[in-house]
Amino acid sequence: MDAALASWLVIAVALAAANLPFFNERVFGLVALQPAPRTKPFAVRLLELIVLYFLVGLLARGLESRIGTLFPQAWEFYAITACMFVVLAFPGFVLRYLRKRR
């Protein structure tokens, strides 16, 4: 797998993972909450978003190691990627919380 394909794969997976908490009522799309509330609480969605950020980061790190040398990252890299992940989650957030329901 070349670097360009790996980069686009990570971006596509990050886009899907960032919006996953907002498009379903199950935790990680798999586990139903017990007792079943009408909607998933925002705190659960936020925790799910954080866990998915780290899972996408592990995927990206694995793909980077398969391509070649792992580059050392400082805290600035993680701050920027976390902000980008939150921006990728914006469409799901808008559809869940800001859209008018009729």
PDB file of N, CA and C in Angstrom:
ATOM      1  N   MET A   1       0.859  -1.171   0.000  1.00  0.00           N
ATOM      2  CA  MET A   1       0.000   0.000   0.000  1.00  0.00           C
ATOM      3  C   MET A   1       0.901   1.228   0.000  1.00  0.00           C
ATOM      4  N   ASP A   2       0.638   2.157  -0.900  1.00  0.00           N
ATOM      5  CA  ASP A   2       1.464   3.356  -0.957  1.00  0.00           C
ATOM      6  C   ASP A   2       0.958   4.404   0.030  1.00  0.00           C
ATOM      7  N   ALA A   3       1.735   5.473   0.203  1.00  0.00           N
ATOM      8  CA  ALA A   3       1.433   6.490   1.204  1.00  0.00           C
ATOM      9  C   ALA A   3       0.146   7.244   0.890  1.00  0.00           C
ATOM     10  N   ALA A   4      -0.116   7.509  -0.377  1.00  0.00           N
ATOM     11  CA  ALA A   4      -1.322   8.261  -0.736  1.00  0.00           C
ATOM     12  C   ALA A   4      -2.584   7.468  -0.411  1.00  0.00           C
ATOM     13  N   LEU A   5      -2.577   6.197  -0.751  1.00  0.00           N
ATOM     14  CA  LEU A   5      -3.746   5.362  -0.466  1.00  0.00           C
ATOM     15  C   LEU A   5      -3.959   5.210   1.040  1.00  0.00           C
ATOM     16  N   ALA A   6      -2.878   5.042   1.782  1.00  0.00           N
ATOM     17  CA  ALA A   6      -2.985   4.924   3.240  1.00  0.00           C
ATOM     18  C   ALA A   6      -3.522   6.216   3.854  1.00  0.00           C
ATOM     19  N   SER A   7      -3.088   7.352   3.334  1.00  0.00           N
ATOM     20  CA  SER A   7      -3.577   8.641   3.845  1.00  0.00           C
ATOM     21  C   SER A   7      -5.074   8.795   3.612  1.00  0.00           C
ATOM     22  N   TRP A   8      -5.531   8.474   2.397  1.00  0.00           N
ATOM     23  CA  TRP A   8      -6.960   8.593   2.101  1.00  0.00           C
ATOM     24  C   TRP A   8      -7.780   7.587   2.899  1.00  0.00           C
ATOM     25  N   LEU A   9      -7.220   6.419   3.145  1.00  0.00           N
ATOM     26  CA  LEU A   9      -7.916   5.425   3.957  1.00  0.00           C
ATOM     27  C   LEU A   9      -8.100   5.923   5.386  1.00  0.00           C
ATOM     28  N   VAL A  10      -7.070   6.514   5.958  1.00  0.00           N
ATOM     29  CA  VAL A  10      -7.169   7.047   7.322  1.00  0.00           C
ATOM     30  C   VAL A  10      -8.179   8.186   7.378  1.00  0.00           C
ATOM     31  N   ILE A  11      -8.205   9.045   6.374  1.00  0.00           N
ATOM     32  CA  ILE A  11      -9.165  10.156   6.352  1.00  0.00           C
ATOM     33  C   ILE A  11     -10.591   9.626   6.257  1.00  0.00           C
ATOM     34  N   ALA A  12     -10.822   8.633   5.412  1.00  0.00           N
ATOM     35  CA  ALA A  12     -12.172   8.062   5.270  1.00  0.00           C
ATOM     36  C   ALA A  12     -12.623   7.368   6.550  1.00  0.00           C
ATOM     37  N   VAL A  13     -11.726   6.616   7.177  1.00  0.00           N
ATOM     38  CA  VAL A  13     -12.068   5.933   8.427  1.00  0.00           C
ATOM     39  C   VAL A  13     -12.310   6.958   9.532  1.00  0.00           C
ATOM     40  N   ALA A  14     -11.513   8.022   9.564  1.00  0.00           N
ATOM     41  CA  ALA A  14     -11.703   9.065  10.580  1.00  0.00           C
ATOM     42  C   ALA A  14     -13.046   9.769  10.400  1.00  0.00           C
ATOM     43  N   LEU A  15     -13.437  10.037   9.168  1.00  0.00           N
ATOM     44  CA  LEU A  15     -14.730  10.669   8.909  1.00  0.00           C
ATOM     45  C   LEU A  15     -15.881   9.782   9.369  1.00  0.00           C
ATOM     46  N   ALA A  16     -15.797   8.503   9.067  1.00  0.00           N
ATOM     47  CA  ALA A  16     -16.856   7.576   9.487  1.00  0.00           C
ATOM     48  C   ALA A  16     -16.867   7.415  11.011  1.00  0.00           C
ATOM     49  N   ALA A  17     -15.697   7.283  11.617  1.00  0.00           N
ATOM     50  CA  ALA A  17     -15.624   7.081  13.064  1.00  0.00           C
ATOM     51  C   ALA A  17     -16.060   8.325  13.834  1.00  0.00           C
ATOM     52  N   ALA A  18     -15.743   9.504  13.322  1.00  0.00           N
ATOM     53  CA  ALA A  18     -16.125  10.738  14.018  1.00  0.00           C
ATOM     54  C   ALA A  18     -17.631  10.938  14.032  1.00  0.00           C
ATOM     55  N   ASN A  19     -18.317  10.460  13.017  1.00  0.00           N
ATOM     56  CA  ASN A  19     -19.767  10.637  12.946  1.00  0.00           C
ATOM     57  C   ASN A  19     -20.551   9.469  13.529  1.00  0.00           C
ATOM     58  N   LEU A  20     -19.899   8.355  13.784  1.00  0.00           N
ATOM     59  CA  LEU A  20     -20.580   7.168  14.306  1.00  0.00           C
ATOM     60  C   LEU A  20     -21.345   7.418  15.608  1.00  0.00           C
ATOM     61  N   PRO A  21     -20.795   8.131  16.590  1.00  0.00           N
ATOM     62  CA  PRO A  21     -21.556   8.334  17.836  1.00  0.00           C
ATOM     63  C   PRO A  21     -22.862   9.097  17.656  1.00  0.00           C
ATOM     64  N   PHE A  22     -22.965   9.898  16.613  1.00  0.00           N
ATOM     65  CA  PHE A  22     -24.138  10.742  16.436  1.00  0.00           C
ATOM     66  C   PHE A  22     -25.217  10.111  15.566  1.00  0.00           C
ATOM     67  N   PHE A  23     -24.897   9.045  14.862  1.00  0.00           N
ATOM     68  CA  PHE A  23     -25.858   8.457  13.939  1.00  0.00           C
ATOM     69  C   PHE A  23     -26.554   7.211  14.462  1.00  0.00           C
ATOM     70  N   ASN A  24     -26.237   6.766  15.679  1.00  0.00           N
ATOM     71  CA  ASN A  24     -26.937   5.603  16.221  1.00  0.00           C
ATOM     72  C   ASN A  24     -27.070   5.734  17.729  1.00  0.00           C
ATOM     73  N   GLU A  25     -27.895   4.901  18.305  1.00  0.00           N
ATOM     74  CA  GLU A  25     -28.149   4.935  19.742  1.00  0.00           C
ATOM     75  C   GLU A  25     -27.429   3.809  20.482  1.00  0.00           C
ATOM     76  N   ARG A  26     -26.580   3.075  19.804  1.00  0.00           N
ATOM     77  CA  ARG A  26     -25.800   2.018  20.437  1.00  0.00           C
ATOM     78  C   ARG A  26     -24.380   2.506  20.649  1.00  0.00           C
ATOM     79  N   VAL A  27     -23.730   1.994  21.675  1.00  0.00           N
ATOM     80  CA  VAL A  27     -22.345   2.365  21.951  1.00  0.00           C
ATOM     81  C   VAL A  27     -21.455   1.666  20.928  1.00  0.00           C
ATOM     82  N   PHE A  28     -20.657   2.444  20.210  1.00  0.00           N
ATOM     83  CA  PHE A  28     -19.780   1.963  19.136  1.00  0.00           C
ATOM     84  C   PHE A  28     -20.565   1.252  18.031  1.00  0.00           C
ATOM     85  N   GLY A  29     -21.839   1.500  17.951  1.00  0.00           N
ATOM     86  CA  GLY A  29     -22.667   0.872  16.933  1.00  0.00           C
ATOM     87  C   GLY A  29     -22.954  -0.585  17.197  1.00  0.00           C
ATOM     88  N   LEU A  30     -22.561  -1.108  18.359  1.00  0.00           N
ATOM     89  CA  LEU A  30     -22.695  -2.541  18.652  1.00  0.00           C
ATOM     90  C   LEU A  30     -23.495  -2.852  19.902  1.00  0.00           C
ATOM     91  N   VAL A  31     -23.237  -2.128  20.987  1.00  0.00           N
ATOM     92  CA  VAL A  31     -23.768  -2.484  22.305  1.00  0.00           C
ATOM     93  C   VAL A  31     -24.917  -1.552  22.678  1.00  0.00           C
ATOM     94  N   ALA A  32     -26.054  -2.123  23.007  1.00  0.00           N
ATOM     95  CA  ALA A  32     -27.198  -1.329  23.459  1.00  0.00           C
ATOM     96  C   ALA A  32     -27.038  -1.004  24.944  1.00  0.00           C
ATOM     97  N   LEU A  33     -27.431   0.205  25.326  1.00  0.00           N
ATOM     98  CA  LEU A  33     -27.369   0.603  26.733  1.00  0.00           C
ATOM     99  C   LEU A  33     -28.493  -0.060  27.509  1.00  0.00           C
ATOM    100  N   GLN A  34     -28.216  -0.462  28.737  1.00  0.00           N
ATOM    101  CA  GLN A  34     -29.231  -1.087  29.592  1.00  0.00           C
ATOM    102  C   GLN A  34     -29.374  -0.274  30.863  1.00  0.00           C
ATOM    103  N   PRO A  35     -30.515   0.101  31.322  1.00  0.00           N
ATOM    104  CA  PRO A  35     -31.801   0.020  30.643  1.00  0.00           C
ATOM    105  C   PRO A  35     -31.813   0.989  29.467  1.00  0.00           C
ATOM    106  N   ALA A  36     -32.531   0.641  28.447  1.00  0.00           N
ATOM    107  CA  ALA A  36     -32.498   1.381  27.187  1.00  0.00           C
ATOM    108  C   ALA A  36     -33.134   2.761  27.340  1.00  0.00           C
ATOM    109  N   PRO A  37     -32.324   3.831  27.308  1.00  0.00           N
ATOM    110  CA  PRO A  37     -32.909   5.172  27.333  1.00  0.00           C
ATOM    111  C   PRO A  37     -33.445   5.525  25.941  1.00  0.00           C
ATOM    112  N   ARG A  38     -34.221   6.575  25.913  1.00  0.00           N
ATOM    113  CA  ARG A  38     -34.777   6.993  24.618  1.00  0.00           C
ATOM    114  C   ARG A  38     -33.663   7.445  23.667  1.00  0.00           C
ATOM    115  N   THR A  39     -32.727   8.226  24.200  1.00  0.00           N
ATOM    116  CA  THR A  39     -31.561   8.642  23.418  1.00  0.00           C
ATOM    117  C   THR A  39     -30.305   8.438  24.255  1.00  0.00           C
ATOM    118  N   LYS A  40     -29.210   8.281  23.586  1.00  0.00           N
ATOM    119  CA  LYS A  40     -27.921   8.104  24.255  1.00  0.00           C
ATOM    120  C   LYS A  40     -27.491   9.453  24.835  1.00  0.00           C
ATOM    121  N   PRO A  41     -27.049   9.501  26.087  1.00  0.00           N
ATOM    122  CA  PRO A  41     -26.622  10.778  26.682  1.00  0.00           C
ATOM    123  C   PRO A  41     -25.402  11.361  25.956  1.00  0.00           C
ATOM    124  N   PHE A  42     -25.283  12.699  26.004  1.00  0.00           N
ATOM    125  CA  PHE A  42     -24.179  13.362  25.317  1.00  0.00           C
ATOM    126  C   PHE A  42     -22.828  12.942  25.884  1.00  0.00           C
ATOM    127  N   ALA A  43     -22.752  12.698  27.186  1.00  0.00           N
ATOM    128  CA  ALA A  43     -21.485  12.284  27.795  1.00  0.00           C
ATOM    129  C   ALA A  43     -21.007  10.951  27.214  1.00  0.00           C
ATOM    130  N   VAL A  44     -21.925  10.045  26.947  1.00  0.00           N
ATOM    131  CA  VAL A  44     -21.569   8.758  26.345  1.00  0.00           C
ATOM    132  C   VAL A  44     -21.080   8.981  24.919  1.00  0.00           C
ATOM    133  N   ARG A  45     -21.731   9.868  24.202  1.00  0.00           N
ATOM    134  CA  ARG A  45     -21.297  10.175  22.831  1.00  0.00           C
ATOM    135  C   ARG A  45     -19.899  10.790  22.832  1.00  0.00           C
ATOM    136  N   LEU A  46     -19.626  11.672  23.775  1.00  0.00           N
ATOM    137  CA  LEU A  46     -18.317  12.307  23.867  1.00  0.00           C
ATOM    138  C   LEU A  46     -17.231  11.293  24.222  1.00  0.00           C
ATOM    139  N   LEU A  47     -17.517  10.418  25.169  1.00  0.00           N
ATOM    140  CA  LEU A  47     -16.556   9.369  25.535  1.00  0.00           C
ATOM    141  C   LEU A  47     -16.298   8.436  24.350  1.00  0.00           C
ATOM    142  N   GLU A  48     -17.345   8.115  23.627  1.00  0.00           N
ATOM    143  CA  GLU A  48     -17.222   7.282  22.438  1.00  0.00           C
ATOM    144  C   GLU A  48     -16.353   7.969  21.377  1.00  0.00           C
ATOM    145  N   LEU A  49     -16.519   9.277  21.222  1.00  0.00           N
ATOM    146  CA  LEU A  49     -15.723  10.044  20.265  1.00  0.00           C
ATOM    147  C   LEU A  49     -14.239  10.017  20.636  1.00  0.00           C
ATOM    148  N   ILE A  50     -13.937  10.125  21.917  1.00  0.00           N
ATOM    149  CA  ILE A  50     -12.543  10.092  22.373  1.00  0.00           C
ATOM    150  C   ILE A  50     -11.920   8.725  22.124  1.00  0.00           C
ATOM    151  N   VAL A  51     -12.643   7.671  22.436  1.00  0.00           N
ATOM    152  CA  VAL A  51     -12.118   6.314  22.214  1.00  0.00           C
ATOM    153  C   VAL A  51     -11.897   6.067  20.724  1.00  0.00           C
ATOM    154  N   LEU A  52     -12.829   6.504  19.894  1.00  0.00           N
ATOM    155  CA  LEU A  52     -12.685   6.322  18.450  1.00  0.00           C
ATOM    156  C   LEU A  52     -11.516   7.133  17.896  1.00  0.00           C
ATOM    157  N   TYR A  53     -11.228   8.296  18.468  1.00  0.00           N
ATOM    158  CA  TYR A  53     -10.055   9.075  18.069  1.00  0.00           C
ATOM    159  C   TYR A  53      -8.780   8.262  18.268  1.00  0.00           C
ATOM    160  N   PHE A  54      -8.672   7.620  19.420  1.00  0.00           N
ATOM    161  CA  PHE A  54      -7.474   6.826  19.688  1.00  0.00           C
ATOM    162  C   PHE A  54      -7.409   5.576  18.813  1.00  0.00           C
ATOM    163  N   LEU A  55      -8.546   4.975  18.499  1.00  0.00           N
ATOM    164  CA  LEU A  55      -8.543   3.811  17.612  1.00  0.00           C
ATOM    165  C   LEU A  55      -8.111   4.189  16.188  1.00  0.00           C
ATOM    166  N   VAL A  56      -8.584   5.327  15.700  1.00  0.00           N
ATOM    167  CA  VAL A  56      -8.148   5.789  14.379  1.00  0.00           C
ATOM    168  C   VAL A  56      -6.661   6.128  14.415  1.00  0.00           C
ATOM    169  N   GLY A  57      -6.191   6.687  15.515  1.00  0.00           N
ATOM    170  CA  GLY A  57      -4.764   6.969  15.664  1.00  0.00           C
ATOM    171  C   GLY A  57      -3.921   5.704  15.632  1.00  0.00           C
ATOM    172  N   LEU A  58      -4.414   4.646  16.263  1.00  0.00           N
ATOM    173  CA  LEU A  58      -3.689   3.370  16.214  1.00  0.00           C
ATOM    174  C   LEU A  58      -3.664   2.803  14.802  1.00  0.00           C
ATOM    175  N   LEU A  59      -4.765   2.937  14.076  1.00  0.00           N
ATOM    176  CA  LEU A  59      -4.797   2.496  12.685  1.00  0.00           C
ATOM    177  C   LEU A  59      -3.790   3.279  11.849  1.00  0.00           C
ATOM    178  N   ALA A  60      -3.769   4.586  12.020  1.00  0.00           N
ATOM    179  CA  ALA A  60      -2.830   5.424  11.266  1.00  0.00           C
ATOM    180  C   ALA A  60      -1.389   5.082  11.607  1.00  0.00           C
ATOM    181  N   ARG A  61      -1.132   4.835  12.873  1.00  0.00           N
ATOM    182  CA  ARG A  61       0.232   4.465  13.295  1.00  0.00           C
ATOM    183  C   ARG A  61       0.640   3.124  12.682  1.00  0.00           C
ATOM    184  N   GLY A  62      -0.279   2.178  12.641  1.00  0.00           N
ATOM    185  CA  GLY A  62       0.013   0.886  12.037  1.00  0.00           C
ATOM    186  C   GLY A  62       0.285   0.989  10.548  1.00  0.00           C
ATOM    187  N   LEU A  63      -0.516   1.794   9.857  1.00  0.00           N
ATOM    188  CA  LEU A  63      -0.280   1.984   8.422  1.00  0.00           C
ATOM    189  C   LEU A  63       1.033   2.706   8.169  1.00  0.00           C
ATOM    190  N   GLU A  64       1.369   3.661   9.020  1.00  0.00           N
ATOM    191  CA  GLU A  64       2.632   4.378   8.875  1.00  0.00           C
ATOM    192  C   GLU A  64       3.824   3.443   9.077  1.00  0.00           C
ATOM    193  N   SER A  65       3.699   2.524  10.015  1.00  0.00           N
ATOM    194  CA  SER A  65       4.808   1.589  10.255  1.00  0.00           C
ATOM    195  C   SER A  65       4.965   0.604   9.097  1.00  0.00           C
ATOM    196  N   ARG A  66       3.881   0.274   8.412  1.00  0.00           N
ATOM    197  CA  ARG A  66       3.974  -0.630   7.256  1.00  0.00           C
ATOM    198  C   ARG A  66       4.597   0.064   6.054  1.00  0.00           C
ATOM    199  N   ILE A  67       4.408   1.384   5.945  1.00  0.00           N
ATOM    200  CA  ILE A  67       4.948   2.129   4.812  1.00  0.00           C
ATOM    201  C   ILE A  67       6.456   2.341   4.971  1.00  0.00           C
ATOM    202  N   GLY A  68       6.890   2.645   6.178  1.00  0.00           N
ATOM    203  CA  GLY A  68       8.312   2.933   6.381  1.00  0.00           C
ATOM    204  C   GLY A  68       8.580   3.306   7.820  1.00  0.00           C
ATOM    205  N   THR A  69       9.429   4.275   7.996  1.00  0.00           N
ATOM    206  CA  THR A  69       9.868   4.699   9.317  1.00  0.00           C
ATOM    207  C   THR A  69       8.764   5.461  10.049  1.00  0.00           C
ATOM    208  N   LEU A  70       8.622   5.163  11.338  1.00  0.00           N
ATOM    209  CA  LEU A  70       7.686   5.919  12.173  1.00  0.00           C
ATOM    210  C   LEU A  70       8.310   7.260  12.532  1.00  0.00           C
ATOM    211  N   PHE A  71       7.559   8.326  12.354  1.00  0.00           N
ATOM    212  CA  PHE A  71       8.063   9.646  12.673  1.00  0.00           C
ATOM    213  C   PHE A  71       7.695   9.986  14.112  1.00  0.00           C
ATOM    214  N   PRO A  72       8.616  10.570  14.872  1.00  0.00           N
ATOM    215  CA  PRO A  72       8.280  10.964  16.253  1.00  0.00           C
ATOM    216  C   PRO A  72       7.293  12.131  16.243  1.00  0.00           C
ATOM    217  N   GLN A  73       6.330  12.098  17.169  1.00  0.00           N
ATOM    218  CA  GLN A  73       5.303  13.134  17.234  1.00  0.00           C
ATOM    219  C   GLN A  73       5.357  13.807  18.600  1.00  0.00           C
ATOM    220  N   ALA A  74       5.190  15.110  18.607  1.00  0.00           N
ATOM    221  CA  ALA A  74       5.124  15.877  19.849  1.00  0.00           C
ATOM    222  C   ALA A  74       3.654  16.149  20.181  1.00  0.00           C
ATOM    223  N   TRP A  75       3.416  16.849  21.271  1.00  0.00           N
ATOM    224  CA  TRP A  75       2.059  17.083  21.724  1.00  0.00           C
ATOM    225  C   TRP A  75       1.274  17.925  20.727  1.00  0.00           C
ATOM    226  N   GLU A  76       1.958  18.769  19.949  1.00  0.00           N
ATOM    227  CA  GLU A  76       1.264  19.611  18.979  1.00  0.00           C
ATOM    228  C   GLU A  76       0.539  18.774  17.919  1.00  0.00           C
ATOM    229  N   PHE A  77       1.152  17.684  17.511  1.00  0.00           N
ATOM    230  CA  PHE A  77       0.536  16.802  16.521  1.00  0.00           C
ATOM    231  C   PHE A  77      -0.784  16.246  17.050  1.00  0.00           C
ATOM    232  N   TYR A  78      -0.793  15.792  18.297  1.00  0.00           N
ATOM    233  CA  TYR A  78      -2.004  15.211  18.871  1.00  0.00           C
ATOM    234  C   TYR A  78      -3.079  16.268  19.105  1.00  0.00           C
ATOM    235  N   ALA A  79      -2.679  17.485  19.459  1.00  0.00           N
ATOM    236  CA  ALA A  79      -3.656  18.568  19.630  1.00  0.00           C
ATOM    237  C   ALA A  79      -4.320  18.906  18.297  1.00  0.00           C
ATOM    238  N   ILE A  80      -3.534  18.972  17.239  1.00  0.00           N
ATOM    239  CA  ILE A  80      -4.083  19.303  15.924  1.00  0.00           C
ATOM    240  C   ILE A  80      -4.981  18.181  15.402  1.00  0.00           C
ATOM    241  N   THR A  81      -4.544  16.925  15.549  1.00  0.00           N
ATOM    242  CA  THR A  81      -5.370  15.829  15.040  1.00  0.00           C
ATOM    243  C   THR A  81      -6.658  15.676  15.844  1.00  0.00           C
ATOM    244  N   ALA A  82      -6.621  15.967  17.140  1.00  0.00           N
ATOM    245  CA  ALA A  82      -7.850  15.912  17.940  1.00  0.00           C
ATOM    246  C   ALA A  82      -8.829  16.987  17.469  1.00  0.00           C
ATOM    247  N   CYS A  83      -8.323  18.178  17.179  1.00  0.00           N
ATOM    248  CA  CYS A  83      -9.186  19.246  16.660  1.00  0.00           C
ATOM    249  C   CYS A  83      -9.752  18.876  15.292  1.00  0.00           C
ATOM    250  N   MET A  84      -8.935  18.265  14.448  1.00  0.00           N
ATOM    251  CA  MET A  84      -9.426  17.838  13.133  1.00  0.00           C
ATOM    252  C   MET A  84     -10.492  16.760  13.275  1.00  0.00           C
ATOM    253  N   PHE A  85     -10.336  15.863  14.238  1.00  0.00           N
ATOM    254  CA  PHE A  85     -11.321  14.808  14.456  1.00  0.00           C
ATOM    255  C   PHE A  85     -12.650  15.409  14.905  1.00  0.00           C
ATOM    256  N   VAL A  86     -12.590  16.417  15.751  1.00  0.00           N
ATOM    257  CA  VAL A  86     -13.812  17.095  16.196  1.00  0.00           C
ATOM    258  C   VAL A  86     -14.476  17.820  15.020  1.00  0.00           C
ATOM    259  N   VAL A  87     -13.691  18.427  14.140  1.00  0.00           N
ATOM    260  CA  VAL A  87     -14.248  19.084  12.955  1.00  0.00           C
ATOM    261  C   VAL A  87     -14.912  18.056  12.041  1.00  0.00           C
ATOM    262  N   LEU A  88     -14.311  16.874  11.902  1.00  0.00           N
ATOM    263  CA  LEU A  88     -14.915  15.830  11.085  1.00  0.00           C
ATOM    264  C   LEU A  88     -16.233  15.340  11.689  1.00  0.00           C
ATOM    265  N   ALA A  89     -16.400  15.482  12.998  1.00  0.00           N
ATOM    266  CA  ALA A  89     -17.629  15.057  13.665  1.00  0.00           C
ATOM    267  C   ALA A  89     -18.740  16.093  13.554  1.00  0.00           C
ATOM    268  N   PHE A  90     -18.450  17.262  13.018  1.00  0.00           N
ATOM    269  CA  PHE A  90     -19.434  18.341  12.962  1.00  0.00           C
ATOM    270  C   PHE A  90     -20.708  17.983  12.199  1.00  0.00           C
ATOM    271  N   PRO A  91     -20.652  17.325  11.028  1.00  0.00           N
ATOM    272  CA  PRO A  91     -21.916  16.998  10.344  1.00  0.00           C
ATOM    273  C   PRO A  91     -22.851  16.122  11.182  1.00  0.00           C
ATOM    274  N   GLY A  92     -22.306  15.140  11.872  1.00  0.00           N
ATOM    275  CA  GLY A  92     -23.134  14.294  12.722  1.00  0.00           C
ATOM    276  C   GLY A  92     -23.729  15.063  13.890  1.00  0.00           C
ATOM    277  N   PHE A  93     -22.937  15.969  14.485  1.00  0.00           N
ATOM    278  CA  PHE A  93     -23.413  16.789  15.593  1.00  0.00           C
ATOM    279  C   PHE A  93     -24.548  17.698  15.142  1.00  0.00           C
ATOM    280  N   VAL A  94     -24.397  18.302  13.968  1.00  0.00           N
ATOM    281  CA  VAL A  94     -25.445  19.191  13.450  1.00  0.00           C
ATOM    282  C   VAL A  94     -26.723  18.415  13.198  1.00  0.00           C
ATOM    283  N   LEU A  95     -26.604  17.249  12.572  1.00  0.00           N
ATOM    284  CA  LEU A  95     -27.807  16.468  12.292  1.00  0.00           C
ATOM    285  C   LEU A  95     -28.481  15.972  13.575  1.00  0.00           C
ATOM    286  N   ARG A  96     -27.705  15.677  14.603  1.00  0.00           N
ATOM    287  CA  ARG A  96     -28.274  15.158  15.844  1.00  0.00           C
ATOM    288  C   ARG A  96     -28.868  16.258  16.712  1.00  0.00           C
ATOM    289  N   TYR A  97     -28.166  17.392  16.879  1.00  0.00           N
ATOM    290  CA  TYR A  97     -28.561  18.371  17.880  1.00  0.00           C
ATOM    291  C   TYR A  97     -29.057  19.708  17.333  1.00  0.00           C
ATOM    292  N   LEU A  98     -28.651  20.118  16.153  1.00  0.00           N
ATOM    293  CA  LEU A  98     -28.989  21.449  15.683  1.00  0.00           C
ATOM    294  C   LEU A  98     -30.075  21.481  14.604  1.00  0.00           C
ATOM    295  N   ARG A  99     -30.385  20.360  13.999  1.00  0.00           N
ATOM    296  CA  ARG A  99     -31.406  20.305  12.957  1.00  0.00           C
ATOM    297  C   ARG A  99     -32.791  20.425  13.574  1.00  0.00           C
ATOM    298  N   LYS A 100     -33.668  21.177  12.917  1.00  0.00           N
ATOM    299  CA  LYS A 100     -35.048  21.291  13.391  1.00  0.00           C
ATOM    300  C   LYS A 100     -35.781  19.991  13.141  1.00  0.00           C
ATOM    301  N   ARG A 101     -36.476  19.530  14.133  1.00  0.00           N
ATOM    302  CA  ARG A 101     -37.284  18.316  13.984  1.00  0.00           C
ATOM    303  C   ARG A 101     -38.720  18.723  13.679  1.00  0.00           C
ATOM    304  N   ARG A 102     -39.324  18.106  12.692  1.00  0.00           N
ATOM    305  CA  ARG A 102     -40.693  18.450  12.302  1.00  0.00           C
ATOM    306  C   ARG A 102     -41.618  17.321  12.599  1.00  0.00           C
TER     307      ARG A 102
END
